[in-house]
Every structure is written in structure tokens, then in C-alpha cells.
Amino acid sequence: MIALLAFAAQISALGAEVAVLRNGRSISFVRKEELGNTTRLFTAEGYVDILTEQIDSFTTEETPPAPPQEPLAQQPQAAIAQAASNSPSSQQVATNDKGTVNLEQVVREASVRRQLDPDFVNSVIKAESNFKARAVSPKGAQGLMQLMPGTAAQLGVNDPFDPKANVEAGTTYLSQLLDLYHDDPVMALAAYNAGPERVQRYHGVPPYRETHAYIARIVRDFNARKMAQKAGQAQASAKKSTPAAVSHKAANSRKTTPKKKSVQQAAVTKPPTTGTN
């Protein structure tokens, strides 16, 4: 979570200047340098050399500052409501055989098997498909975790629109990426969106506006979930500590679950060879 919070600050600094290319693409950069007939664009991860004649124009991209947040103690209900709106809850998702699955349970079980944080996985699913099991992207990515056909085949998925199969494969792939990038969630997300080969080419997060926006979206959602949980726990603790509650109700025993590894600790085997988007 700390790593994701730190990257959120980097995101706001990115995209102050943008080079608009003649082919329609754009590249965010922090400074530029003219080298003969080439322009070197320095990004947060390194630099990209572009033929100057291929650059149509330069523009400034303003990133408005995020509004200040109230202390958690003053907004527990708002935080809890936000987390609820970003969660599949006990949503029943239809399968191709006309049955249904509990998406929350599917995500939780798949995450636990791979020592991933279910909140992190849910944030990825929200960014990828907004929990729509039959979502298809313009590039052909399919299902809840938007698996490209090649990635799905590599992971043994016969039906990418089967919620359980899609989430099992998607979490496996995400775990492989975390393993490949030494448990760096930002690098893993960049590879999930743009492909490992582009992360390797740019020696970090590729300078694609779509990829930076994708990571920022997941960062915000993941942090909102954690803030909501913290607010909910604080509210529950406050209710427990009131004399009336203690004198009239017996303490409930709670079943504890093993502590899950953080996003930074997740690791699986065999690095992947293809991206999802």
C-alpha cells in the first residue's frame, strides 16, 4: 500500500508536458533535448528518442490537485460507502452454463491461493472490466480480468468468459508479473496493461498516457478500499468500547484468518511472455 501511495504522488507529476506525434500518439515527458534531427524526451523512467519531424506539437497537460481529504474519524460512513460501491460484494455473476457464481468468493479464494490481497485483485478487475464477466475490449481482451486470447491460452483457459476460470488465470498472471518484477506492484500493473515487452523496452513504466491513467485508477481504488476498511474497524471498535454494549451483550468470538501477504510480498513462478491489453 505504501508503494502504491508513493506512486500516486508520481502520477500527479507526470504529464506536465506532452509531445503530440503525427501518428496520433502522445508522450508525456518532464523535459526535452534537441539532438540534431532527433528530440530526446525524458520521462520519469528514462528517455525516448523521436525524430523531430514526427512531432506535430507540444502541449501542457494540467493535472488538478486532489481535493484535501477529511480525517478518517470524520468520514467513516463516506469511506465505507465508497468501498461498497467499488466492490462486487456478494454479487452473483452468470456463467455460460446458466449457473451463477459468487464473485466475491471467487476473487477471495483465487487471491488467497496466490497470496495476493483480494482488494488489489478487485481494484484490477474494476479497472479492467468493472466486474462485467462478458466484457470485451477494442483490442480483444476478454472477461473480468481482460485476458488477451494468447495469454488465456497460455494459462489453459478454454472459456475466458467463465468468471472463475478468468479470475484464476488473471490472478495467476498477476502473480507471475509480481514475481518477475520483484513484487513491485506498479511495474506489475504496467506490464499487465502494456505488456512486459514494453516495460522492458522503456526500462520501467512505458510513457503511455493510457498506462499511467490505468495505474493511477487502480492506486486510487486500492487506497480507498484500505481507508474504508480502516474507518469501519475504527467505528466497530468505538461501538464495542461503549459501556452499554459491554454490559448488555456478550463478546462475540471471531474466527481469525491467516494474514495475507501484501501486494509487495506476492510471488509466483514462471514469468509471463505476453500482456493482457
Protein backbone atom coordinates (compact mmCIF):
# COMPACT_ATOMS: atom_id res chain seq x y z
CA MET A 1 0.00 0.00 0.00
CA ILE A 2 2.91 2.34 0.80
CA ALA A 3 4.39 1.72 -2.64
CA LEU A 4 1.04 2.47 -4.29
CA LEU A 5 0.62 5.66 -2.27
CA ALA A 6 4.09 6.78 -3.27
CA PHE A 7 3.35 6.17 -6.93
CA ALA A 8 0.15 8.20 -6.65
CA ALA A 9 2.35 11.23 -5.96
CA GLN A 10 4.46 10.42 -9.03
CA ILE A 11 1.35 10.19 -11.20
CA SER A 12 0.35 13.77 -10.39
CA ALA A 13 3.76 14.99 -11.53
CA LEU A 14 3.66 13.08 -14.81
CA GLY A 15 2.18 14.55 -17.96
CA ALA A 16 3.10 18.19 -17.22
CA GLU A 17 4.24 18.36 -20.85
CA VAL A 18 3.08 16.24 -23.76
CA ALA A 19 4.56 15.66 -27.20
CA VAL A 20 1.81 15.05 -29.77
CA LEU A 21 3.08 12.88 -32.63
CA ARG A 22 1.90 13.00 -36.24
CA ASN A 23 0.65 9.40 -35.97
CA GLY A 24 -1.81 10.45 -33.26
CA ARG A 25 0.11 9.14 -30.27
CA SER A 26 1.26 11.32 -27.40
CA ILE A 27 4.12 11.01 -24.94
CA SER A 28 4.25 12.67 -21.52
CA PHE A 29 7.69 13.97 -20.51
CA VAL A 30 9.39 16.09 -17.90
CA ARG A 31 11.95 17.78 -20.21
CA LYS A 32 13.24 17.59 -23.77
CA GLU A 33 16.55 17.98 -25.53
CA GLU A 34 17.31 18.60 -29.22
CA LEU A 35 19.96 16.25 -30.69
CA GLY A 36 20.36 17.09 -34.35
CA ASN A 37 17.27 15.78 -36.16
CA THR A 38 16.17 13.89 -33.04
CA THR A 39 14.33 15.09 -29.95
CA ARG A 40 15.05 13.26 -26.70
CA LEU A 41 12.06 13.20 -24.35
CA PHE A 42 12.96 12.49 -20.74
CA THR A 43 10.25 10.60 -18.84
CA ALA A 44 10.10 9.55 -15.19
CA GLU A 45 11.70 6.21 -16.10
CA GLY A 46 14.30 7.26 -18.68
CA TYR A 47 14.13 8.82 -22.13
CA VAL A 48 12.73 8.24 -25.61
CA ASP A 49 14.35 9.46 -28.85
CA ILE A 50 11.87 10.63 -31.50
CA LEU A 51 12.61 12.05 -34.95
CA THR A 52 11.80 15.74 -34.64
CA GLU A 53 9.85 15.69 -37.89
CA GLN A 54 7.48 13.11 -36.38
CA ILE A 55 6.45 15.52 -33.60
CA ASP A 56 3.43 17.61 -34.52
CA SER A 57 3.30 19.84 -31.44
CA PHE A 58 3.95 20.21 -27.74
CA THR A 59 1.27 20.98 -25.21
CA THR A 60 0.88 21.35 -21.46
CA GLU A 61 -1.32 18.91 -19.62
CA GLU A 62 -2.63 20.30 -16.38
CA THR A 63 -3.28 17.85 -13.58
CA PRO A 64 -5.61 19.39 -10.97
CA PRO A 65 -4.57 18.74 -7.37
CA ALA A 66 -6.60 16.20 -5.49
CA PRO A 67 -9.05 17.75 -3.01
CA PRO A 68 -7.90 17.52 0.62
CA GLN A 69 -9.42 14.60 2.48
CA GLU A 70 -11.04 14.87 5.87
CA PRO A 71 -9.58 12.80 8.71
CA LEU A 72 -10.87 9.24 8.74
CA ALA A 73 -12.60 9.79 12.04
CA GLN A 74 -14.80 12.46 10.42
CA GLN A 75 -15.80 10.46 7.37
CA PRO A 76 -16.15 6.74 8.18
CA GLN A 77 -19.54 6.42 6.53
CA ALA A 78 -18.38 8.14 3.34
CA ALA A 79 -15.32 5.90 3.13
CA ILE A 80 -17.35 2.76 3.77
CA ALA A 81 -19.91 3.78 1.13
CA GLN A 82 -17.15 4.42 -1.39
CA ALA A 83 -15.61 1.00 -0.78
CA ALA A 84 -19.01 -0.67 -1.10
CA SER A 85 -19.57 0.97 -4.47
CA ASN A 86 -16.18 -0.29 -5.67
CA SER A 87 -16.70 -3.88 -4.53
CA PRO A 88 -18.50 -6.84 -6.09
CA SER A 89 -19.88 -7.58 -2.60
CA SER A 90 -21.86 -10.84 -2.83
CA GLN A 91 -22.71 -10.21 -6.47
CA GLN A 92 -23.88 -13.28 -8.37
CA VAL A 93 -22.32 -13.49 -11.85
CA ALA A 94 -23.86 -15.67 -14.53
CA THR A 95 -21.82 -18.40 -16.21
CA ASN A 96 -22.25 -19.88 -19.68
CA ASP A 97 -23.98 -22.98 -18.31
CA LYS A 98 -26.74 -20.71 -16.89
CA GLY A 99 -25.44 -21.13 -13.36
CA THR A 100 -24.11 -18.36 -11.13
CA VAL A 101 -21.01 -17.84 -9.02
CA ASN A 102 -20.38 -15.57 -6.05
CA LEU A 103 -17.75 -13.22 -7.46
CA GLU A 104 -16.57 -12.03 -4.06
CA GLN A 105 -15.86 -15.63 -3.04
CA VAL A 106 -14.18 -16.43 -6.37
CA VAL A 107 -11.83 -13.46 -6.02
CA ARG A 108 -11.08 -14.16 -2.38
CA GLU A 109 -10.27 -17.84 -2.91
CA ALA A 110 -8.13 -17.21 -6.01
CA SER A 111 -6.25 -14.43 -4.21
CA VAL A 112 -5.58 -16.49 -1.09
CA ARG A 113 -4.20 -19.35 -3.18
CA ARG A 114 -1.66 -16.99 -4.72
CA GLN A 115 -1.02 -14.93 -1.57
CA LEU A 116 -2.48 -11.80 -3.15
CA ASP A 117 -4.52 -9.11 -1.45
CA PRO A 118 -8.15 -9.56 -2.62
CA ASP A 119 -8.59 -5.77 -2.54
CA PHE A 120 -5.73 -5.41 -5.02
CA VAL A 121 -7.29 -8.01 -7.31
CA ASN A 122 -10.71 -6.36 -7.05
CA SER A 123 -9.16 -3.00 -7.94
CA VAL A 124 -7.60 -4.57 -11.04
CA ILE A 125 -10.92 -6.15 -12.04
CA LYS A 126 -12.75 -2.85 -11.58
CA ALA A 127 -10.24 -1.06 -13.81
CA GLU A 128 -10.27 -3.83 -16.40
CA SER A 129 -13.96 -4.68 -16.77
CA ASN A 130 -15.91 -3.01 -13.94
CA PHE A 131 -16.91 -6.54 -12.84
CA LYS A 132 -18.55 -7.40 -16.18
CA ALA A 133 -17.90 -11.07 -16.91
CA ARG A 134 -18.57 -10.76 -20.65
CA ALA A 135 -16.62 -7.55 -21.26
CA VAL A 136 -14.56 -7.35 -24.47
CA SER A 137 -12.09 -4.54 -25.12
CA PRO A 138 -11.45 -2.95 -28.53
CA LYS A 139 -8.14 -4.84 -28.59
CA GLY A 140 -9.83 -8.18 -27.96
CA ALA A 141 -9.14 -8.67 -24.22
CA GLN A 142 -11.92 -10.73 -22.65
CA GLY A 143 -13.72 -11.29 -19.37
CA LEU A 144 -13.41 -9.93 -15.86
CA MET A 145 -9.62 -9.58 -15.88
CA GLN A 146 -9.47 -8.82 -19.63
CA LEU A 147 -7.24 -11.66 -20.77
CA MET A 148 -5.87 -11.47 -24.28
CA PRO A 149 -6.57 -14.70 -26.23
CA GLY A 150 -2.87 -15.61 -26.30
CA THR A 151 -2.46 -15.11 -22.56
CA ALA A 152 -5.65 -17.07 -21.84
CA ALA A 153 -4.45 -19.97 -24.00
CA GLN A 154 -1.05 -19.93 -22.35
CA LEU A 155 -2.73 -20.18 -18.95
CA GLY A 156 -5.02 -23.01 -20.04
CA VAL A 157 -8.29 -21.06 -20.18
CA ASN A 158 -10.84 -22.61 -22.53
CA ASP A 159 -13.60 -20.09 -21.84
CA PRO A 160 -12.39 -16.58 -20.88
CA PHE A 161 -15.99 -15.57 -20.12
CA ASP A 162 -16.23 -18.14 -17.32
CA PRO A 163 -15.79 -15.88 -14.24
CA LYS A 164 -13.99 -18.48 -12.15
CA ALA A 165 -11.60 -19.57 -14.94
CA ASN A 166 -10.91 -15.94 -15.86
CA VAL A 167 -10.12 -14.87 -12.31
CA GLU A 168 -7.99 -17.97 -11.68
CA ALA A 169 -5.93 -17.22 -14.79
CA GLY A 170 -5.84 -13.47 -14.19
CA THR A 171 -4.57 -13.82 -10.63
CA THR A 172 -2.01 -16.38 -11.78
CA TYR A 173 -0.75 -13.96 -14.43
CA LEU A 174 -0.73 -11.05 -11.97
CA SER A 175 1.27 -13.15 -9.51
CA GLN A 176 3.75 -14.07 -12.22
CA LEU A 177 4.23 -10.41 -13.03
CA LEU A 178 4.79 -9.55 -9.37
CA ASP A 179 7.37 -12.32 -9.23
CA LEU A 180 9.02 -11.08 -12.44
CA TYR A 181 9.31 -7.52 -11.09
CA HIS A 182 10.38 -8.49 -7.57
CA ASP A 183 6.99 -7.72 -6.01
CA ASP A 184 6.82 -4.18 -7.40
CA PRO A 185 3.05 -3.61 -7.89
CA VAL A 186 3.49 -0.57 -10.13
CA MET A 187 5.75 -2.42 -12.57
CA ALA A 188 3.41 -5.43 -12.48
CA LEU A 189 0.41 -3.22 -13.29
CA ALA A 190 2.31 -1.53 -16.12
CA ALA A 191 3.12 -4.93 -17.62
CA TYR A 192 -0.46 -6.15 -17.12
CA ASN A 193 -1.70 -3.17 -19.12
CA ALA A 194 1.01 -2.57 -21.72
CA GLY A 195 2.83 -5.92 -21.80
CA PRO A 196 6.17 -6.99 -20.26
CA GLU A 197 8.00 -6.39 -23.52
CA ARG A 198 7.15 -2.65 -23.41
CA VAL A 199 8.18 -2.39 -19.76
CA GLN A 200 11.50 -3.96 -20.74
CA ARG A 201 11.87 -1.65 -23.74
CA TYR A 202 11.43 1.51 -21.64
CA HIS A 203 13.16 0.11 -18.55
CA GLY A 204 10.12 0.98 -16.44
CA VAL A 205 6.55 2.16 -16.84
CA PRO A 206 6.03 2.93 -20.56
CA PRO A 207 5.33 6.60 -21.38
CA TYR A 208 1.78 5.85 -22.48
CA ARG A 209 -0.97 8.07 -21.14
CA GLU A 210 -3.33 5.07 -21.05
CA THR A 211 -0.92 3.06 -18.89
CA HIS A 212 -0.29 5.89 -16.43
CA ALA A 213 -4.03 6.55 -16.13
CA TYR A 214 -4.66 2.81 -15.65
CA ILE A 215 -2.16 2.56 -12.78
CA ALA A 216 -3.46 5.74 -11.16
CA ARG A 217 -7.03 4.41 -11.31
CA ILE A 218 -6.04 1.21 -9.51
CA VAL A 219 -3.94 3.12 -6.96
CA ARG A 220 -6.89 5.34 -6.06
CA ASP A 221 -9.33 2.44 -5.83
CA PHE A 222 -7.00 0.24 -3.78
CA ASN A 223 -6.19 3.03 -1.32
CA ALA A 224 -9.90 3.90 -1.00
CA ARG A 225 -10.67 0.30 -0.06
CA LYS A 226 -8.00 0.29 2.64
CA MET A 227 -9.15 3.64 4.02
CA ALA A 228 -12.74 2.38 4.15
CA GLN A 229 -11.69 -0.76 6.00
CA LYS A 230 -9.71 1.30 8.49
CA ALA A 231 -12.66 3.60 9.06
CA GLY A 232 -15.01 0.65 9.50
CA GLN A 233 -12.70 -1.01 12.01
CA ALA A 234 -12.39 2.24 13.98
CA GLN A 235 -16.16 2.60 14.07
CA ALA A 236 -16.63 -1.00 15.19
CA SER A 237 -14.03 -0.57 17.93
CA ALA A 238 -15.77 2.58 19.16
CA LYS A 239 -19.10 0.76 19.41
CA LYS A 240 -17.52 -2.14 21.27
CA SER A 241 -15.95 0.13 23.87
CA THR A 242 -19.25 1.78 24.95
CA PRO A 243 -20.43 0.66 28.46
CA ALA A 244 -23.94 -0.19 27.22
CA ALA A 245 -22.64 -2.57 24.63
CA VAL A 246 -20.35 -4.30 27.11
CA SER A 247 -22.95 -4.66 29.87
CA HIS A 248 -25.79 -5.95 27.74
CA LYS A 249 -24.02 -8.09 25.15
CA ALA A 250 -21.59 -10.93 25.47
CA ALA A 251 -18.40 -10.57 23.46
CA ASN A 252 -18.57 -12.44 20.17
CA SER A 253 -15.78 -14.80 19.34
CA ARG A 254 -14.22 -14.15 15.97
CA LYS A 255 -12.65 -16.54 13.57
CA THR A 256 -9.29 -15.15 12.55
CA THR A 257 -7.83 -15.74 9.13
CA PRO A 258 -4.15 -16.10 8.29
CA LYS A 259 -2.51 -12.80 7.47
CA LYS A 260 -2.31 -12.36 3.72
CA LYS A 261 0.82 -11.16 2.10
CA SER A 262 0.84 -7.56 1.00
CA VAL A 263 0.94 -6.61 -2.65
CA GLN A 264 4.67 -6.08 -2.32
CA GLN A 265 5.16 -9.64 -0.98
CA ALA A 266 3.18 -11.56 -3.59
CA ALA A 267 5.19 -14.01 -5.68
CA VAL A 268 4.53 -16.91 -8.05
CA THR A 269 6.63 -18.85 -10.54
CA LYS A 270 7.31 -18.77 -14.31
CA PRO A 271 7.41 -15.22 -15.73
CA PRO A 272 4.80 -14.48 -18.43
CA THR A 273 5.56 -13.74 -22.02
CA THR A 274 2.53 -11.74 -23.14
CA GLY A 275 0.45 -8.79 -21.88
CA THR A 276 -3.29 -8.53 -21.44
CA ASN A 277 -4.17 -5.24 -23.16
